[in-house]
């Protein structure tokens, strides 16, 4: 069974705060898929999650050209950007599945590029553009208590 929470963000800071709130609920081995268009705020959301684990938000950037950034905090945070991938095999070659089932938290931008590799119990976060520079953030939990 799943549960859903919707947040309306009016600023970058509120998007970061929404990520921080989700961070409070994450545990080792959790995978979060971040769905949204270019410029929706996925990386800002990751900054919030990372800050919950003691990582300075300004150190977080999109790993568009490197595929993954690893951040050391109270829990490791693994930030994937799969935008440039052509095939799931490319993610397998860098050991993506080992990250998914490891001791840290994985956050995946452009998860549709590696859909078949993402664990079924991944948390889904949709970030949608809204009028007046707002964002609608919808967090889909697999666990209804979340």
C-alpha atoms as a PDB file:
ATOM      1  CA  UNK A   1       0.000   0.000   0.000  1.00  0.00           C
ATOM      2  CA  UNK A   2       1.229   3.486  -0.692  1.00  0.00           C
ATOM      3  CA  UNK A   3       0.659   6.943   0.721  1.00  0.00           C
ATOM      4  CA  UNK A   4       1.049  10.323  -0.910  1.00  0.00           C
ATOM      5  CA  UNK A   5       2.001  13.767   0.381  1.00  0.00           C
ATOM      6  CA  UNK A   6       1.728  16.953  -1.677  1.00  0.00           C
ATOM      7  CA  UNK A   7       3.727  20.110  -0.987  1.00  0.00           C
ATOM      8  CA  UNK A   8       3.473  23.426  -2.832  1.00  0.00           C
ATOM      9  CA  UNK A   9       6.861  25.126  -2.893  1.00  0.00           C
ATOM     10  CA  UNK A  10       6.969  28.866  -3.497  1.00  0.00           C
ATOM     11  CA  UNK A  11      10.774  29.160  -3.615  1.00  0.00           C
ATOM     12  CA  UNK A  12      14.074  27.338  -3.957  1.00  0.00           C
ATOM     13  CA  UNK A  13      14.415  27.439  -0.157  1.00  0.00           C
ATOM     14  CA  UNK A  14      11.043  25.744   0.278  1.00  0.00           C
ATOM     15  CA  UNK A  15      12.043  23.037  -2.220  1.00  0.00           C
ATOM     16  CA  UNK A  16      15.246  22.459  -0.247  1.00  0.00           C
ATOM     17  CA  UNK A  17      13.206  22.325   2.968  1.00  0.00           C
ATOM     18  CA  UNK A  18      10.876  19.717   1.421  1.00  0.00           C
ATOM     19  CA  UNK A  19      13.940  17.586   0.646  1.00  0.00           C
ATOM     20  CA  UNK A  20      15.174  18.002   4.212  1.00  0.00           C
ATOM     21  CA  UNK A  21      11.792  16.824   5.542  1.00  0.00           C
ATOM     22  CA  UNK A  22      11.977  13.707   3.387  1.00  0.00           C
ATOM     23  CA  UNK A  23      15.545  13.138   4.583  1.00  0.00           C
ATOM     24  CA  UNK A  24      14.221  12.715   8.135  1.00  0.00           C
ATOM     25  CA  UNK A  25      12.299   9.640   6.965  1.00  0.00           C
ATOM     26  CA  UNK A  26      15.070   7.972   4.952  1.00  0.00           C
ATOM     27  CA  UNK A  27      17.105   4.998   6.090  1.00  0.00           C
ATOM     28  CA  UNK A  28      20.118   3.125   4.707  1.00  0.00           C
ATOM     29  CA  UNK A  29      19.221   1.373   1.476  1.00  0.00           C
ATOM     30  CA  UNK A  30      16.381   3.740   0.548  1.00  0.00           C
ATOM     31  CA  UNK A  31      16.121   4.715  -3.102  1.00  0.00           C
ATOM     32  CA  UNK A  32      14.333   7.891  -4.173  1.00  0.00           C
ATOM     33  CA  UNK A  33      13.386   8.476  -7.791  1.00  0.00           C
ATOM     34  CA  UNK A  34      13.044  12.136  -8.729  1.00  0.00           C
ATOM     35  CA  UNK A  35      10.717  12.705 -11.654  1.00  0.00           C
ATOM     36  CA  UNK A  36      10.357  16.146 -13.243  1.00  0.00           C
ATOM     37  CA  UNK A  37      11.224  18.238 -16.268  1.00  0.00           C
ATOM     38  CA  UNK A  38      14.472  20.133 -16.745  1.00  0.00           C
ATOM     39  CA  UNK A  39      14.627  22.969 -14.231  1.00  0.00           C
ATOM     40  CA  UNK A  40      11.871  21.542 -12.024  1.00  0.00           C
ATOM     41  CA  UNK A  41      14.036  21.639  -8.899  1.00  0.00           C
ATOM     42  CA  UNK A  42      15.274  18.055  -8.550  1.00  0.00           C
ATOM     43  CA  UNK A  43      18.816  19.059  -7.595  1.00  0.00           C
ATOM     44  CA  UNK A  44      17.525  21.605  -5.057  1.00  0.00           C
ATOM     45  CA  UNK A  45      15.426  18.834  -3.515  1.00  0.00           C
ATOM     46  CA  UNK A  46      18.577  16.672  -3.300  1.00  0.00           C
ATOM     47  CA  UNK A  47      20.355  19.568  -1.556  1.00  0.00           C
ATOM     48  CA  UNK A  48      17.676  19.403   1.127  1.00  0.00           C
ATOM     49  CA  UNK A  49      17.995  15.651   1.622  1.00  0.00           C
ATOM     50  CA  UNK A  50      21.783  15.959   1.751  1.00  0.00           C
ATOM     51  CA  UNK A  51      21.610  18.802   4.292  1.00  0.00           C
ATOM     52  CA  UNK A  52      19.567  16.604   6.624  1.00  0.00           C
ATOM     53  CA  UNK A  53      22.528  14.198   6.638  1.00  0.00           C
ATOM     54  CA  UNK A  54      24.990  16.994   7.475  1.00  0.00           C
ATOM     55  CA  UNK A  55      26.194  17.714   3.945  1.00  0.00           C
ATOM     56  CA  UNK A  56      26.509  21.389   3.039  1.00  0.00           C
ATOM     57  CA  UNK A  57      23.922  22.157   0.331  1.00  0.00           C
ATOM     58  CA  UNK A  58      26.391  24.273  -1.635  1.00  0.00           C
ATOM     59  CA  UNK A  59      28.528  21.130  -2.153  1.00  0.00           C
ATOM     60  CA  UNK A  60      25.651  19.410  -3.966  1.00  0.00           C
ATOM     61  CA  UNK A  61      25.521  19.796  -7.737  1.00  0.00           C
ATOM     62  CA  UNK A  62      23.972  17.851 -10.560  1.00  0.00           C
ATOM     63  CA  UNK A  63      26.187  14.956 -11.677  1.00  0.00           C
ATOM     64  CA  UNK A  64      25.078  15.333 -15.317  1.00  0.00           C
ATOM     65  CA  UNK A  65      28.505  14.566 -16.775  1.00  0.00           C
ATOM     66  CA  UNK A  66      29.784  12.173 -14.104  1.00  0.00           C
ATOM     67  CA  UNK A  67      26.524  10.221 -13.586  1.00  0.00           C
ATOM     68  CA  UNK A  68      26.954  10.003  -9.811  1.00  0.00           C
ATOM     69  CA  UNK A  69      28.186  12.151  -6.954  1.00  0.00           C
ATOM     70  CA  UNK A  70      28.914  10.573  -3.604  1.00  0.00           C
ATOM     71  CA  UNK A  71      28.524  12.705  -0.487  1.00  0.00           C
ATOM     72  CA  UNK A  72      29.697  11.702   2.980  1.00  0.00           C
ATOM     73  CA  UNK A  73      27.411  12.647   5.843  1.00  0.00           C
ATOM     74  CA  UNK A  74      25.801  10.880   8.786  1.00  0.00           C
ATOM     75  CA  UNK A  75      24.630   8.536   5.999  1.00  0.00           C
ATOM     76  CA  UNK A  76      26.247   8.396   2.568  1.00  0.00           C
ATOM     77  CA  UNK A  77      24.163  10.128  -0.103  1.00  0.00           C
ATOM     78  CA  UNK A  78      24.471   8.911  -3.699  1.00  0.00           C
ATOM     79  CA  UNK A  79      23.107  11.381  -6.240  1.00  0.00           C
ATOM     80  CA  UNK A  80      22.543   9.962  -9.735  1.00  0.00           C
ATOM     81  CA  UNK A  81      21.751  11.906 -12.898  1.00  0.00           C
ATOM     82  CA  UNK A  82      20.827   9.455 -15.646  1.00  0.00           C
ATOM     83  CA  UNK A  83      19.909  12.084 -18.252  1.00  0.00           C
ATOM     84  CA  UNK A  84      22.781  11.236 -20.593  1.00  0.00           C
ATOM     85  CA  UNK A  85      22.443   7.450 -20.397  1.00  0.00           C
ATOM     86  CA  UNK A  86      21.444   5.614 -23.540  1.00  0.00           C
ATOM     87  CA  UNK A  87      21.044   2.141 -22.018  1.00  0.00           C
ATOM     88  CA  UNK A  88      20.533   0.594 -18.580  1.00  0.00           C
ATOM     89  CA  UNK A  89      23.726  -1.369 -19.191  1.00  0.00           C
ATOM     90  CA  UNK A  90      25.712   1.841 -18.719  1.00  0.00           C
ATOM     91  CA  UNK A  91      24.372   2.138 -15.164  1.00  0.00           C
ATOM     92  CA  UNK A  92      25.175  -1.504 -14.481  1.00  0.00           C
ATOM     93  CA  UNK A  93      28.756  -0.942 -15.625  1.00  0.00           C
ATOM     94  CA  UNK A  94      29.310   1.649 -12.889  1.00  0.00           C
ATOM     95  CA  UNK A  95      27.743  -0.597 -10.253  1.00  0.00           C
ATOM     96  CA  UNK A  96      24.442   1.254  -9.803  1.00  0.00           C
ATOM     97  CA  UNK A  97      22.738  -1.765  -8.255  1.00  0.00           C
ATOM     98  CA  UNK A  98      25.422  -1.991  -5.586  1.00  0.00           C
ATOM     99  CA  UNK A  99      24.575   1.580  -4.589  1.00  0.00           C
ATOM    100  CA  UNK A 100      20.847   0.773  -4.518  1.00  0.00           C
ATOM    101  CA  UNK A 101      21.335  -2.025  -2.025  1.00  0.00           C
ATOM    102  CA  UNK A 102      24.137  -0.394  -0.031  1.00  0.00           C
ATOM    103  CA  UNK A 103      24.414   1.488   3.235  1.00  0.00           C
ATOM    104  CA  UNK A 104      23.519   4.915   1.902  1.00  0.00           C
ATOM    105  CA  UNK A 105      20.568   6.742   0.398  1.00  0.00           C
ATOM    106  CA  UNK A 106      20.237   6.942  -3.404  1.00  0.00           C
ATOM    107  CA  UNK A 107      18.545   9.840  -5.178  1.00  0.00           C
ATOM    108  CA  UNK A 108      18.032   9.374  -8.902  1.00  0.00           C
ATOM    109  CA  UNK A 109      17.310  12.138 -11.402  1.00  0.00           C
ATOM    110  CA  UNK A 110      15.901  10.960 -14.770  1.00  0.00           C
ATOM    111  CA  UNK A 111      15.063   7.507 -13.362  1.00  0.00           C
ATOM    112  CA  UNK A 112      13.073   6.534 -16.453  1.00  0.00           C
ATOM    113  CA  UNK A 113      16.429   5.949 -18.189  1.00  0.00           C
ATOM    114  CA  UNK A 114      17.135   3.015 -15.836  1.00  0.00           C
ATOM    115  CA  UNK A 115      13.571   2.014 -14.985  1.00  0.00           C
ATOM    116  CA  UNK A 116      14.275  -1.726 -14.968  1.00  0.00           C
ATOM    117  CA  UNK A 117      17.046  -1.379 -12.373  1.00  0.00           C
ATOM    118  CA  UNK A 118      15.222   0.707  -9.765  1.00  0.00           C
ATOM    119  CA  UNK A 119      13.891  -1.286  -6.810  1.00  0.00           C
ATOM    120  CA  UNK A 120      10.107  -1.663  -6.744  1.00  0.00           C
ATOM    121  CA  UNK A 121       9.908  -0.143  -3.262  1.00  0.00           C
ATOM    122  CA  UNK A 122      11.637   3.095  -4.321  1.00  0.00           C
ATOM    123  CA  UNK A 123      10.075   6.319  -3.078  1.00  0.00           C
ATOM    124  CA  UNK A 124       8.815   8.423  -5.968  1.00  0.00           C
ATOM    125  CA  UNK A 125       9.002  12.209  -5.889  1.00  0.00           C
ATOM    126  CA  UNK A 126       7.286  14.126  -8.681  1.00  0.00           C
ATOM    127  CA  UNK A 127       8.314  17.774  -8.995  1.00  0.00           C
ATOM    128  CA  UNK A 128       6.020  19.719 -11.291  1.00  0.00           C
ATOM    129  CA  UNK A 129       6.208  23.295 -12.573  1.00  0.00           C
ATOM    130  CA  UNK A 130       3.278  25.450 -11.427  1.00  0.00           C
ATOM    131  CA  UNK A 131       2.291  29.051 -12.244  1.00  0.00           C
ATOM    132  CA  UNK A 132       4.213  31.910 -10.616  1.00  0.00           C
ATOM    133  CA  UNK A 133       7.480  29.947 -10.257  1.00  0.00           C
ATOM    134  CA  UNK A 134       5.891  27.509  -7.806  1.00  0.00           C
ATOM    135  CA  UNK A 135       6.482  23.782  -7.710  1.00  0.00           C
ATOM    136  CA  UNK A 136       4.139  20.970  -6.774  1.00  0.00           C
ATOM    137  CA  UNK A 137       6.112  18.239  -5.003  1.00  0.00           C
ATOM    138  CA  UNK A 138       4.298  14.931  -4.665  1.00  0.00           C
ATOM    139  CA  UNK A 139       5.978  12.277  -2.525  1.00  0.00           C
ATOM    140  CA  UNK A 140       4.699   8.726  -3.043  1.00  0.00           C
ATOM    141  CA  UNK A 141       5.668   6.392  -0.210  1.00  0.00           C
ATOM    142  CA  UNK A 142       5.315   2.636  -0.391  1.00  0.00           C
ATOM    143  CA  UNK A 143       4.836   2.571   3.370  1.00  0.00           C
ATOM    144  CA  UNK A 144       1.503   4.157   4.415  1.00  0.00           C
ATOM    145  CA  UNK A 145       2.966   5.243   7.776  1.00  0.00           C
ATOM    146  CA  UNK A 146       5.559   7.418   6.040  1.00  0.00           C
END
